[in-house]
PDB file of N, CA and C in Angstrom:
ATOM      1  N   MET A   1      92.336 -17.045  65.080  1.00  0.00           N
ATOM      2  CA  MET A   1      92.292 -15.510  64.668  1.00  0.00           C
ATOM      3  C   MET A   1      91.336 -15.179  63.957  1.00  0.00           C
ATOM      4  N   GLU A   2      91.452 -13.786  64.893  1.00  0.00           N
ATOM      5  CA  GLU A   2      90.058 -12.871  64.680  1.00  0.00           C
ATOM      6  C   GLU A   2      90.454 -11.057  63.529  1.00  0.00           C
ATOM      7  N   MET A   3      89.922 -11.967  62.631  1.00  0.00           N
ATOM      8  CA  MET A   3      89.976 -10.374  61.615  1.00  0.00           C
ATOM      9  C   MET A   3      89.241  -9.435  62.208  1.00  0.00           C
ATOM     10  N   GLN A   4      88.939  -8.335  61.789  1.00  0.00           N
ATOM     11  CA  GLN A   4      88.358  -6.764  62.346  1.00  0.00           C
ATOM     12  C   GLN A   4      88.823  -5.812  60.941  1.00  0.00           C
ATOM     13  N   SER A   5      86.851  -5.983  60.112  1.00  0.00           N
ATOM     14  CA  SER A   5      88.432  -4.913  58.904  1.00  0.00           C
ATOM     15  C   SER A   5      87.301  -3.868  58.126  1.00  0.00           C
ATOM     16  N   ARG A   6      87.462  -2.881  58.473  1.00  0.00           N
ATOM     17  CA  ARG A   6      87.027  -1.514  58.769  1.00  0.00           C
ATOM     18  C   ARG A   6      87.960  -0.428  57.680  1.00  0.00           C
ATOM     19  N   VAL A   7      86.794   0.463  57.212  1.00  0.00           N
ATOM     20  CA  VAL A   7      87.327   1.936  56.038  1.00  0.00           C
ATOM     21  C   VAL A   7      87.487   3.527  57.144  1.00  0.00           C
ATOM     22  N   VAL A   8      88.680   4.055  56.837  1.00  0.00           N
ATOM     23  CA  VAL A   8      88.689   4.677  57.868  1.00  0.00           C
ATOM     24  C   VAL A   8      89.634   6.340  56.087  1.00  0.00           C
ATOM     25  N   GLY A   9      88.103   6.798  55.921  1.00  0.00           N
ATOM     26  CA  GLY A   9      88.257   7.735  55.379  1.00  0.00           C
ATOM     27  C   GLY A   9      88.959   6.995  54.061  1.00  0.00           C
ATOM     28  N   ASP A  10      89.723   6.681  53.531  1.00  0.00           N
ATOM     29  CA  ASP A  10      90.337   6.463  52.417  1.00  0.00           C
ATOM     30  C   ASP A  10      90.982   5.314  52.266  1.00  0.00           C
ATOM     31  N   VAL A  11      91.349   4.936  53.700  1.00  0.00           N
ATOM     32  CA  VAL A  11      91.914   3.091  54.429  1.00  0.00           C
ATOM     33  C   VAL A  11      91.324   2.290  53.530  1.00  0.00           C
ATOM     34  N   GLU A  12      91.717   1.422  53.764  1.00  0.00           N
ATOM     35  CA  GLU A  12      91.094  -0.988  54.462  1.00  0.00           C
ATOM     36  C   GLU A  12      91.886  -0.544  55.959  1.00  0.00           C
ATOM     37  N   VAL A  13      91.428  -0.991  56.605  1.00  0.00           N
ATOM     38  CA  VAL A  13      91.945  -1.820  58.033  1.00  0.00           C
ATOM     39  C   VAL A  13      91.227  -3.124  57.932  1.00  0.00           C
ATOM     40  N   LEU A  14      93.207  -3.382  58.691  1.00  0.00           N
ATOM     41  CA  LEU A  14      92.401  -4.687  58.780  1.00  0.00           C
ATOM     42  C   LEU A  14      93.376  -4.746  59.914  1.00  0.00           C
ATOM     43  N   ALA A  15      91.879  -5.577  61.026  1.00  0.00           N
ATOM     44  CA  ALA A  15      93.073  -6.039  62.658  1.00  0.00           C
ATOM     45  C   ALA A  15      93.116  -7.201  62.840  1.00  0.00           C
ATOM     46  N   ILE A  16      94.159  -8.122  63.126  1.00  0.00           N
ATOM     47  CA  ILE A  16      94.452  -9.667  63.142  1.00  0.00           C
ATOM     48  C   ILE A  16      94.971  -9.484  64.574  1.00  0.00           C
ATOM     49  N   LYS A  17      93.952 -10.969  64.883  1.00  0.00           N
ATOM     50  CA  LYS A  17      94.086 -10.598  66.777  1.00  0.00           C
ATOM     51  C   LYS A  17      94.937 -12.116  66.977  1.00  0.00           C
ATOM     52  N   GLY A  18      95.364 -12.712  67.174  1.00  0.00           N
ATOM     53  CA  GLY A  18      95.840 -14.404  68.048  1.00  0.00           C
ATOM     54  C   GLY A  18      97.123 -14.682  66.681  1.00  0.00           C
ATOM     55  N   ARG A  19      96.778 -16.408  65.967  1.00  0.00           N
ATOM     56  CA  ARG A  19      98.464 -15.808  65.299  1.00  0.00           C
ATOM     57  C   ARG A  19      97.758 -16.181  64.148  1.00  0.00           C
ATOM     58  N   PHE A  20      99.615 -15.521  63.761  1.00  0.00           N
ATOM     59  CA  PHE A  20      99.095 -15.660  61.694  1.00  0.00           C
ATOM     60  C   PHE A  20      99.831 -16.436  61.485  1.00  0.00           C
ATOM     61  N   ASP A  21      99.175 -17.501  60.675  1.00  0.00           N
ATOM     62  CA  ASP A  21      99.861 -18.795  60.623  1.00  0.00           C
ATOM     63  C   ASP A  21      99.345 -19.436  59.407  1.00  0.00           C
ATOM     64  N   ASN A  22     100.217 -20.673  58.838  1.00  0.00           N
ATOM     65  CA  ASN A  22      99.679 -20.488  57.488  1.00  0.00           C
ATOM     66  C   ASN A  22      98.502 -21.480  58.225  1.00  0.00           C
ATOM     67  N   THR A  23      97.934 -21.687  59.074  1.00  0.00           N
ATOM     68  CA  THR A  23      96.040 -21.894  59.289  1.00  0.00           C
ATOM     69  C   THR A  23      95.541 -20.752  58.778  1.00  0.00           C
ATOM     70  N   THR A  24      96.169 -19.877  58.899  1.00  0.00           N
ATOM     71  CA  THR A  24      94.978 -18.166  59.365  1.00  0.00           C
ATOM     72  C   THR A  24      95.556 -17.615  57.795  1.00  0.00           C
ATOM     73  N   ALA A  25      96.544 -17.465  57.569  1.00  0.00           N
ATOM     74  CA  ALA A  25      96.702 -16.213  56.700  1.00  0.00           C
ATOM     75  C   ALA A  25      96.018 -16.559  54.871  1.00  0.00           C
ATOM     76  N   PRO A  26      95.287 -17.797  54.870  1.00  0.00           N
ATOM     77  CA  PRO A  26      94.160 -17.585  53.300  1.00  0.00           C
ATOM     78  C   PRO A  26      93.170 -16.466  53.982  1.00  0.00           C
ATOM     79  N   ALA A  27      92.402 -16.798  54.585  1.00  0.00           N
ATOM     80  CA  ALA A  27      92.160 -15.791  55.567  1.00  0.00           C
ATOM     81  C   ALA A  27      92.150 -13.859  54.583  1.00  0.00           C
ATOM     82  N   VAL A  28      93.292 -13.621  55.674  1.00  0.00           N
ATOM     83  CA  VAL A  28      93.848 -12.799  55.129  1.00  0.00           C
ATOM     84  C   VAL A  28      95.006 -12.673  53.719  1.00  0.00           C
ATOM     85  N   ALA A  29      95.302 -13.472  53.309  1.00  0.00           N
ATOM     86  CA  ALA A  29      94.485 -13.668  51.457  1.00  0.00           C
ATOM     87  C   ALA A  29      93.902 -13.514  50.762  1.00  0.00           C
ATOM     88  N   GLU A  30      92.833 -13.468  50.915  1.00  0.00           N
ATOM     89  CA  GLU A  30      91.670 -13.450  50.618  1.00  0.00           C
ATOM     90  C   GLU A  30      90.813 -12.234  50.611  1.00  0.00           C
ATOM     91  N   TRP A  31      90.753 -11.788  51.712  1.00  0.00           N
ATOM     92  CA  TRP A  31      90.816 -10.650  52.872  1.00  0.00           C
ATOM     93  C   TRP A  31      92.052  -8.429  51.372  1.00  0.00           C
ATOM     94  N   LEU A  32      93.382  -9.535  51.205  1.00  0.00           N
ATOM     95  CA  LEU A  32      93.684  -8.695  50.521  1.00  0.00           C
ATOM     96  C   LEU A  32      93.158  -8.715  49.360  1.00  0.00           C
ATOM     97  N   GLU A  33      93.460  -9.548  48.519  1.00  0.00           N
ATOM     98  CA  GLU A  33      92.842  -9.632  47.027  1.00  0.00           C
ATOM     99  C   GLU A  33      91.101  -9.740  47.155  1.00  0.00           C
ATOM    100  N   LYS A  34      91.128  -9.124  47.803  1.00  0.00           N
ATOM    101  CA  LYS A  34      89.282  -9.034  46.902  1.00  0.00           C
ATOM    102  C   LYS A  34      89.420  -6.981  47.148  1.00  0.00           C
ATOM    103  N   ASN A  35      90.267  -6.895  48.432  1.00  0.00           N
ATOM    104  CA  ASN A  35      90.792  -5.442  49.087  1.00  0.00           C
ATOM    105  C   ASN A  35      91.593  -4.370  47.969  1.00  0.00           C
ATOM    106  N   ILE A  36      91.767  -5.605  47.263  1.00  0.00           N
ATOM    107  CA  ILE A  36      93.282  -4.658  46.026  1.00  0.00           C
ATOM    108  C   ILE A  36      93.102  -4.720  44.835  1.00  0.00           C
ATOM    109  N   GLY A  37      92.187  -3.975  45.558  1.00  0.00           N
ATOM    110  CA  GLY A  37      90.940  -3.777  43.191  1.00  0.00           C
ATOM    111  C   GLY A  37      90.847  -2.670  42.653  1.00  0.00           C
ATOM    112  N   HIS A  38      91.300  -1.655  44.022  1.00  0.00           N
ATOM    113  CA  HIS A  38      91.675  -0.501  42.112  1.00  0.00           C
ATOM    114  C   HIS A  38      93.045   0.447  43.291  1.00  0.00           C
ATOM    115  N   PRO A  39      92.850   1.373  41.537  1.00  0.00           N
ATOM    116  CA  PRO A  39      94.337   2.154  41.934  1.00  0.00           C
ATOM    117  C   PRO A  39      94.353   3.333  42.671  1.00  0.00           C
ATOM    118  N   ARG A  40      95.668   3.176  43.266  1.00  0.00           N
ATOM    119  CA  ARG A  40      95.973   4.256  44.506  1.00  0.00           C
ATOM    120  C   ARG A  40      95.456   3.638  46.034  1.00  0.00           C
ATOM    121  N   ILE A  41      95.063   2.321  45.907  1.00  0.00           N
ATOM    122  CA  ILE A  41      94.916   1.628  46.777  1.00  0.00           C
ATOM    123  C   ILE A  41      95.380   1.884  49.015  1.00  0.00           C
ATOM    124  N   ARG A  42      95.593   2.093  49.434  1.00  0.00           N
ATOM    125  CA  ARG A  42      95.700   1.789  50.572  1.00  0.00           C
ATOM    126  C   ARG A  42      95.103   1.327  51.736  1.00  0.00           C
ATOM    127  N   MET A  43      96.028   0.867  53.152  1.00  0.00           N
ATOM    128  CA  MET A  43      95.931  -0.354  53.630  1.00  0.00           C
ATOM    129  C   MET A  43      95.941   0.475  54.713  1.00  0.00           C
ATOM    130  N   VAL A  44      96.244  -0.369  55.960  1.00  0.00           N
ATOM    131  CA  VAL A  44      96.787  -0.404  56.812  1.00  0.00           C
ATOM    132  C   VAL A  44      96.660  -1.955  57.917  1.00  0.00           C
ATOM    133  N   VAL A  45      97.590  -2.875  58.168  1.00  0.00           N
ATOM    134  CA  VAL A  45      97.058  -4.226  58.603  1.00  0.00           C
ATOM    135  C   VAL A  45      98.085  -4.085  59.724  1.00  0.00           C
ATOM    136  N   ASN A  46      97.209  -4.145  61.474  1.00  0.00           N
ATOM    137  CA  ASN A  46      97.054  -3.531  62.682  1.00  0.00           C
ATOM    138  C   ASN A  46      98.052  -5.238  63.575  1.00  0.00           C
ATOM    139  N   LEU A  47      98.722  -5.115  63.874  1.00  0.00           N
ATOM    140  CA  LEU A  47      99.104  -6.582  64.062  1.00  0.00           C
ATOM    141  C   LEU A  47      98.831  -6.586  66.045  1.00  0.00           C
ATOM    142  N   SER A  48      98.293  -5.614  66.287  1.00  0.00           N
ATOM    143  CA  SER A  48      98.075  -5.215  68.051  1.00  0.00           C
ATOM    144  C   SER A  48      97.604  -6.755  68.876  1.00  0.00           C
ATOM    145  N   GLY A  49      97.119  -6.877  68.372  1.00  0.00           N
ATOM    146  CA  GLY A  49      96.872  -8.623  68.985  1.00  0.00           C
ATOM    147  C   GLY A  49      97.353  -9.759  68.373  1.00  0.00           C
ATOM    148  N   THR A  50      98.106  -9.642  67.840  1.00  0.00           N
ATOM    149  CA  THR A  50      98.758 -10.851  67.095  1.00  0.00           C
ATOM    150  C   THR A  50      99.909 -11.053  67.233  1.00  0.00           C
ATOM    151  N   ASN A  51     100.648 -12.550  68.361  1.00  0.00           N
ATOM    152  CA  ASN A  51     100.671 -12.847  69.039  1.00  0.00           C
ATOM    153  C   ASN A  51     101.920 -14.093  68.368  1.00  0.00           C
ATOM    154  N   PHE A  52     101.828 -14.063  67.411  1.00  0.00           N
ATOM    155  CA  PHE A  52     102.348 -14.803  65.669  1.00  0.00           C
ATOM    156  C   PHE A  52     102.650 -15.166  64.761  1.00  0.00           C
ATOM    157  N   VAL A  53     104.020 -14.471  63.966  1.00  0.00           N
ATOM    158  CA  VAL A  53     103.459 -14.775  62.789  1.00  0.00           C
ATOM    159  C   VAL A  53     104.526 -15.862  61.881  1.00  0.00           C
ATOM    160  N   ASP A  54     104.765 -16.580  60.754  1.00  0.00           N
ATOM    161  CA  ASP A  54     104.502 -17.651  60.230  1.00  0.00           C
ATOM    162  C   ASP A  54     105.219 -17.110  58.904  1.00  0.00           C
ATOM    163  N   SER A  55     106.225 -17.415  58.720  1.00  0.00           N
ATOM    164  CA  SER A  55     106.730 -17.443  57.028  1.00  0.00           C
ATOM    165  C   SER A  55     105.902 -17.241  55.746  1.00  0.00           C
ATOM    166  N   THR A  56     104.319 -18.395  56.248  1.00  0.00           N
ATOM    167  CA  THR A  56     103.396 -18.450  55.315  1.00  0.00           C
ATOM    168  C   THR A  56     102.197 -16.145  55.115  1.00  0.00           C
ATOM    169  N   ALA A  57     102.341 -16.332  56.760  1.00  0.00           N
ATOM    170  CA  ALA A  57     101.871 -15.005  57.073  1.00  0.00           C
ATOM    171  C   ALA A  57     103.041 -13.566  56.463  1.00  0.00           C
ATOM    172  N   LEU A  58     104.168 -13.765  56.339  1.00  0.00           N
ATOM    173  CA  LEU A  58     104.925 -12.885  56.468  1.00  0.00           C
ATOM    174  C   LEU A  58     104.947 -12.552  54.220  1.00  0.00           C
ATOM    175  N   ALA A  59     104.902 -14.321  54.166  1.00  0.00           N
ATOM    176  CA  ALA A  59     104.951 -13.397  52.870  1.00  0.00           C
ATOM    177  C   ALA A  59     103.247 -13.169  52.169  1.00  0.00           C
ATOM    178  N   THR A  60     102.045 -14.126  53.395  1.00  0.00           N
ATOM    179  CA  THR A  60     101.649 -12.844  52.891  1.00  0.00           C
ATOM    180  C   THR A  60     100.904 -11.395  52.657  1.00  0.00           C
ATOM    181  N   LEU A  61     101.951 -11.166  54.183  1.00  0.00           N
ATOM    182  CA  LEU A  61     101.747  -9.854  53.323  1.00  0.00           C
ATOM    183  C   LEU A  61     102.489  -9.666  52.755  1.00  0.00           C
ATOM    184  N   VAL A  62     103.735  -9.961  52.033  1.00  0.00           N
ATOM    185  CA  VAL A  62     105.495  -9.268  50.577  1.00  0.00           C
ATOM    186  C   VAL A  62     104.095  -9.158  49.899  1.00  0.00           C
ATOM    187  N   GLN A  63     102.984 -10.178  49.696  1.00  0.00           N
ATOM    188  CA  GLN A  63     101.813 -10.637  48.750  1.00  0.00           C
ATOM    189  C   GLN A  63     101.687  -9.812  48.368  1.00  0.00           C
ATOM    190  N   GLY A  64     100.473  -8.995  49.432  1.00  0.00           N
ATOM    191  CA  GLY A  64      99.999  -7.710  49.472  1.00  0.00           C
ATOM    192  C   GLY A  64     101.010  -6.700  49.347  1.00  0.00           C
ATOM    193  N   LEU A  65     101.559  -6.452  50.063  1.00  0.00           N
ATOM    194  CA  LEU A  65     102.599  -5.053  49.892  1.00  0.00           C
ATOM    195  C   LEU A  65     102.940  -4.952  47.698  1.00  0.00           C
ATOM    196  N   LYS A  66     102.582  -6.310  48.039  1.00  0.00           N
ATOM    197  CA  LYS A  66     103.708  -6.320  46.760  1.00  0.00           C
ATOM    198  C   LYS A  66     102.660  -5.665  45.364  1.00  0.00           C
ATOM    199  N   ARG A  67     101.215  -6.411  45.915  1.00  0.00           N
ATOM    200  CA  ARG A  67     100.210  -5.743  44.722  1.00  0.00           C
ATOM    201  C   ARG A  67      99.573  -4.219  45.269  1.00  0.00           C
ATOM    202  N   CYS A  68      99.689  -4.150  46.226  1.00  0.00           N
ATOM    203  CA  CYS A  68      99.441  -2.946  46.512  1.00  0.00           C
ATOM    204  C   CYS A  68     100.353  -1.549  45.413  1.00  0.00           C
ATOM    205  N   ARG A  69     101.585  -1.691  45.922  1.00  0.00           N
ATOM    206  CA  ARG A  69     102.131  -0.492  45.105  1.00  0.00           C
ATOM    207  C   ARG A  69     102.638  -0.969  43.219  1.00  0.00           C
ATOM    208  N   GLN A  70     101.935  -1.825  42.869  1.00  0.00           N
ATOM    209  CA  GLN A  70     101.888  -2.616  41.437  1.00  0.00           C
ATOM    210  C   GLN A  70     100.511  -0.894  41.568  1.00  0.00           C
ATOM    211  N   GLN A  71     100.113  -0.886  41.826  1.00  0.00           N
ATOM    212  CA  GLN A  71      98.184  -0.165  41.682  1.00  0.00           C
ATOM    213  C   GLN A  71      98.573   1.754  42.087  1.00  0.00           C
ATOM    214  N   SER A  72      99.727   1.496  42.441  1.00  0.00           N
ATOM    215  CA  SER A  72     100.434   2.695  42.960  1.00  0.00           C
ATOM    216  C   SER A  72      99.753   3.069  44.310  1.00  0.00           C
ATOM    217  N   GLY A  73      99.627   1.356  44.835  1.00  0.00           N
ATOM    218  CA  GLY A  73      99.176   2.098  46.833  1.00  0.00           C
ATOM    219  C   GLY A  73     100.461   2.041  47.519  1.00  0.00           C
ATOM    220  N   ASP A  74     100.174   1.470  48.301  1.00  0.00           N
ATOM    221  CA  ASP A  74     101.014   1.444  50.286  1.00  0.00           C
ATOM    222  C   ASP A  74      99.646   0.118  50.812  1.00  0.00           C
ATOM    223  N   LEU A  75     101.181  -0.265  51.619  1.00  0.00           N
ATOM    224  CA  LEU A  75     100.402  -1.555  52.588  1.00  0.00           C
ATOM    225  C   LEU A  75     101.559  -0.594  53.899  1.00  0.00           C
ATOM    226  N   HIS A  76     100.904  -0.514  54.890  1.00  0.00           N
ATOM    227  CA  HIS A  76     101.379  -0.421  56.385  1.00  0.00           C
ATOM    228  C   HIS A  76     100.819  -1.141  56.855  1.00  0.00           C
ATOM    229  N   LEU A  77     102.347  -1.592  57.950  1.00  0.00           N
ATOM    230  CA  LEU A  77     101.317  -2.687  58.789  1.00  0.00           C
ATOM    231  C   LEU A  77     101.940  -1.481  60.638  1.00  0.00           C
ATOM    232  N   CYS A  78     101.228  -2.322  61.984  1.00  0.00           N
ATOM    233  CA  CYS A  78     101.255  -0.977  62.914  1.00  0.00           C
ATOM    234  C   CYS A  78     101.634  -2.041  63.585  1.00  0.00           C
ATOM    235  N   SER A  79     101.787  -1.581  65.629  1.00  0.00           N
ATOM    236  CA  SER A  79     101.065  -1.963  66.932  1.00  0.00           C
ATOM    237  C   SER A  79     101.485  -3.227  67.053  1.00  0.00           C
ATOM    238  N   MET A  80     102.990  -3.484  66.454  1.00  0.00           N
ATOM    239  CA  MET A  80     103.071  -4.893  66.530  1.00  0.00           C
ATOM    240  C   MET A  80     103.102  -4.622  68.071  1.00  0.00           C
ATOM    241  N   GLU A  81     103.679  -6.577  68.816  1.00  0.00           N
ATOM    242  CA  GLU A  81     104.092  -6.963  69.821  1.00  0.00           C
ATOM    243  C   GLU A  81     106.327  -6.764  69.613  1.00  0.00           C
ATOM    244  N   ARG A  82     106.445  -6.716  71.272  1.00  0.00           N
ATOM    245  CA  ARG A  82     107.927  -7.314  70.453  1.00  0.00           C
ATOM    246  C   ARG A  82     108.242  -8.087  69.732  1.00  0.00           C
ATOM    247  N   PRO A  83     107.775  -9.320  70.029  1.00  0.00           N
ATOM    248  CA  PRO A  83     108.182 -11.084  69.593  1.00  0.00           C
ATOM    249  C   PRO A  83     108.291 -10.530  67.868  1.00  0.00           C
ATOM    250  N   VAL A  84     106.485 -10.139  67.177  1.00  0.00           N
ATOM    251  CA  VAL A  84     106.635 -10.624  65.782  1.00  0.00           C
ATOM    252  C   VAL A  84     107.463  -9.206  65.498  1.00  0.00           C
ATOM    253  N   TYR A  85     107.871  -7.990  66.234  1.00  0.00           N
ATOM    254  CA  TYR A  85     108.488  -6.778  65.593  1.00  0.00           C
ATOM    255  C   TYR A  85     109.800  -7.353  65.204  1.00  0.00           C
ATOM    256  N   MET A  86     110.201  -8.549  66.906  1.00  0.00           N
ATOM    257  CA  MET A  86     111.781  -9.257  66.236  1.00  0.00           C
ATOM    258  C   MET A  86     111.665  -9.796  65.030  1.00  0.00           C
ATOM    259  N   ILE A  87     110.806 -10.959  65.096  1.00  0.00           N
ATOM    260  CA  ILE A  87     110.213 -11.487  63.279  1.00  0.00           C
ATOM    261  C   ILE A  87     110.307 -10.960  61.829  1.00  0.00           C
ATOM    262  N   PHE A  88     110.241  -9.834  62.101  1.00  0.00           N
ATOM    263  CA  PHE A  88     110.261  -8.621  61.188  1.00  0.00           C
ATOM    264  C   PHE A  88     112.135  -7.840  60.853  1.00  0.00           C
ATOM    265  N   GLU A  89     112.907  -8.035  61.930  1.00  0.00           N
ATOM    266  CA  GLU A  89     113.915  -7.199  61.624  1.00  0.00           C
ATOM    267  C   GLU A  89     115.140  -8.558  61.385  1.00  0.00           C
ATOM    268  N   LEU A  90     114.140  -9.865  61.981  1.00  0.00           N
ATOM    269  CA  LEU A  90     115.209 -11.179  61.668  1.00  0.00           C
ATOM    270  C   LEU A  90     115.794 -10.793  59.611  1.00  0.00           C
ATOM    271  N   THR A  91     114.071 -11.004  59.569  1.00  0.00           N
ATOM    272  CA  THR A  91     114.034 -11.090  58.224  1.00  0.00           C
ATOM    273  C   THR A  91     114.298  -9.827  56.812  1.00  0.00           C
ATOM    274  N   ARG A  92     115.078  -8.821  57.847  1.00  0.00           N
ATOM    275  CA  ARG A  92     115.258  -7.533  57.007  1.00  0.00           C
ATOM    276  C   ARG A  92     113.804  -7.454  56.373  1.00  0.00           C
ATOM    277  N   LEU A  93     113.036  -7.751  56.568  1.00  0.00           N
ATOM    278  CA  LEU A  93     111.444  -6.964  56.401  1.00  0.00           C
ATOM    279  C   LEU A  93     110.728  -6.052  57.300  1.00  0.00           C
ATOM    280  N   ASP A  94     111.216  -4.855  58.073  1.00  0.00           N
ATOM    281  CA  ASP A  94     111.075  -4.153  58.452  1.00  0.00           C
ATOM    282  C   ASP A  94     112.122  -3.001  57.584  1.00  0.00           C
ATOM    283  N   LYS A  95     113.195  -3.464  56.960  1.00  0.00           N
ATOM    284  CA  LYS A  95     113.035  -2.962  55.413  1.00  0.00           C
ATOM    285  C   LYS A  95     111.942  -2.467  54.056  1.00  0.00           C
ATOM    286  N   ALA A  96     111.029  -3.246  53.938  1.00  0.00           N
ATOM    287  CA  ALA A  96     110.522  -3.078  52.678  1.00  0.00           C
ATOM    288  C   ALA A  96     109.509  -2.707  53.795  1.00  0.00           C
ATOM    289  N   PHE A  97     109.279  -2.932  54.735  1.00  0.00           N
ATOM    290  CA  PHE A  97     107.449  -2.429  55.139  1.00  0.00           C
ATOM    291  C   PHE A  97     107.543  -1.028  55.714  1.00  0.00           C
ATOM    292  N   ASN A  98     106.569  -0.038  55.667  1.00  0.00           N
ATOM    293  CA  ASN A  98     106.199   0.599  56.743  1.00  0.00           C
ATOM    294  C   ASN A  98     105.416   0.244  57.871  1.00  0.00           C
ATOM    295  N   ILE A  99     106.177   0.562  59.034  1.00  0.00           N
ATOM    296  CA  ILE A  99     106.273   0.194  60.677  1.00  0.00           C
ATOM    297  C   ILE A  99     105.973   1.395  61.830  1.00  0.00           C
ATOM    298  N   PHE A 100     103.726   1.124  61.532  1.00  0.00           N
ATOM    299  CA  PHE A 100     104.570   2.524  62.620  1.00  0.00           C
ATOM    300  C   PHE A 100     103.663   1.548  64.050  1.00  0.00           C
ATOM    301  N   VAL A 101     104.175   2.819  64.462  1.00  0.00           N
ATOM    302  CA  VAL A 101     103.528   2.884  66.525  1.00  0.00           C
ATOM    303  C   VAL A 101     101.649   2.415  67.299  1.00  0.00           C
ATOM    304  N   ASP A 102     101.738   3.081  65.568  1.00  0.00           N
ATOM    305  CA  ASP A 102     100.157   2.047  66.545  1.00  0.00           C
ATOM    306  C   ASP A 102      99.103   3.367  65.134  1.00  0.00           C
ATOM    307  N   GLU A 103      97.940   2.511  64.676  1.00  0.00           N
ATOM    308  CA  GLU A 103      96.583   3.163  64.153  1.00  0.00           C
ATOM    309  C   GLU A 103      96.208   4.232  63.745  1.00  0.00           C
ATOM    310  N   ALA A 104      96.866   5.191  64.102  1.00  0.00           N
ATOM    311  CA  ALA A 104      96.354   6.794  63.581  1.00  0.00           C
ATOM    312  C   ALA A 104      98.266   7.402  63.106  1.00  0.00           C
ATOM    313  N   HIS A 105      98.622   6.652  63.522  1.00  0.00           N
ATOM    314  CA  HIS A 105     100.541   6.877  62.658  1.00  0.00           C
ATOM    315  C   HIS A 105     100.607   7.083  60.805  1.00  0.00           C
ATOM    316  N   ALA A 106     100.230   4.865  61.195  1.00  0.00           N
ATOM    317  CA  ALA A 106     100.126   4.798  60.078  1.00  0.00           C
ATOM    318  C   ALA A 106      98.678   5.100  59.167  1.00  0.00           C
ATOM    319  N   ILE A 107      98.214   4.987  59.485  1.00  0.00           N
ATOM    320  CA  ILE A 107      97.091   5.758  58.599  1.00  0.00           C
ATOM    321  C   ILE A 107      97.006   7.784  58.280  1.00  0.00           C
ATOM    322  N   GLN A 108      97.878   8.641  58.902  1.00  0.00           N
ATOM    323  CA  GLN A 108      97.995   9.514  58.707  1.00  0.00           C
ATOM    324  C   GLN A 108      99.235  10.231  57.935  1.00  0.00           C
ATOM    325  N   ALA A 109     100.665   8.837  58.050  1.00  0.00           N
ATOM    326  CA  ALA A 109     100.868   9.463  57.058  1.00  0.00           C
ATOM    327  C   ALA A 109     100.962   8.972  55.771  1.00  0.00           C
ATOM    328  N   PHE A 110      99.485   9.230  55.135  1.00  0.00           N
ATOM    329  CA  PHE A 110      99.127   7.795  53.407  1.00  0.00           C
ATOM    330  C   PHE A 110      98.406  10.082  53.225  1.00  0.00           C
ATOM    331  N   ALA A 111      98.802  10.881  54.311  1.00  0.00           N
ATOM    332  CA  ALA A 111      97.667  11.668  54.168  1.00  0.00           C
ATOM    333  C   ALA A 111      99.535  12.945  53.911  1.00  0.00           C
ATOM    334  N   SER A 112     100.284  12.719  53.608  1.00  0.00           N
ATOM    335  CA  SER A 112     101.902  13.188  53.819  1.00  0.00           C
ATOM    336  C   SER A 112     102.756  12.741  52.968  1.00  0.00           C
TER     337      SER A 112
END
């Protein structure tokens, strides 16, 4: 797995490429924990290059979402490939997360 992070305006963006599973989830969890430090945090996790997620990855994202919302912020997901999106549908996590077609829409949604 490859991770790249950057800031766009006041939004923290994390792009994940490759397998997001029990061996790689700790690195994502560490990044989320490090960056969820201030109130009203806005985060986008870009999954455009992610071809697989497992239950540990899902739990990591749910925990990140929960922590963001506790800080009166939010975490958006974007750019999912169809097989990954299907996992979110099957687990009904597509109802818990705001999922966007691309990163620009995910960032823009914070403005509204």
